[in-house]
Amino acid sequence: MKTLVFLLEERSAEEMLKRILPGILPEDVSPFFITFEGKSDLENNVERKIRGWRLPDSYFVVMRDQDSADCRQVKANLVRKCANTGKEHILIRIACHELESFYLGDLHAVELAYGRRMPSQSSRHYRKPDEIANPADELKRITHQEYQKIDGSRRIAEHMQLDGRNCSTSFKVLLSGIKTLISQN
């Protein structure tokens, strides 16, 4: 049995992953979540948490939002910290710009979660949700302020497509990275 350990910036990411992982993980992979209190807490403690992990056959996924930072610098910093752990099988993924970009990449899931008509996914604004600077604000706007991070993550993730139809490139890269990671021996 493999353990897939997720080190996450916030609880909303955990809630989303709990709902989508059963659709992509084989039965011999068990997820485990370590949720931090924001990106500073994650960055300050990720190295120690991974280094201290003792369960064999464990694989790690470190995930955080890009926010307004330079994506390459954020990832390089995390790569450096993870390299110091002495562990193998570590995947680092950055949500461009925020986790909510994943949801804006599947407006049909948002529509089902909130029971109201959403803008068209094919409209220019929503074709590349990773380019939307404030996706959480955008999600609040199109749900008429009903979207809340944790509850919204639960509701929307229940309906998300995992077959590549999501328009968020960072979401697709996350899914493909997880699949590649767990296929390693």
Foldseek 3Di string as FASTA:
>chain_A
DAEEEEEEFAVLVVLLCVQCVVVQDDPVYHYDYDYAPGDVRCLVCVLVVLLPDDDPRYAYEYEEAQQPHDPVVVVVSVVVSNVVSPDPRYHYAYQQHHPLLQLLLCVVLVCQLLVHDFDDCPPPCSLESSPPNDSVVVSCVRSVNPDDRNSNSNSSSNPDDPPPSRSYPSVVVVSVSVNVSSVDD
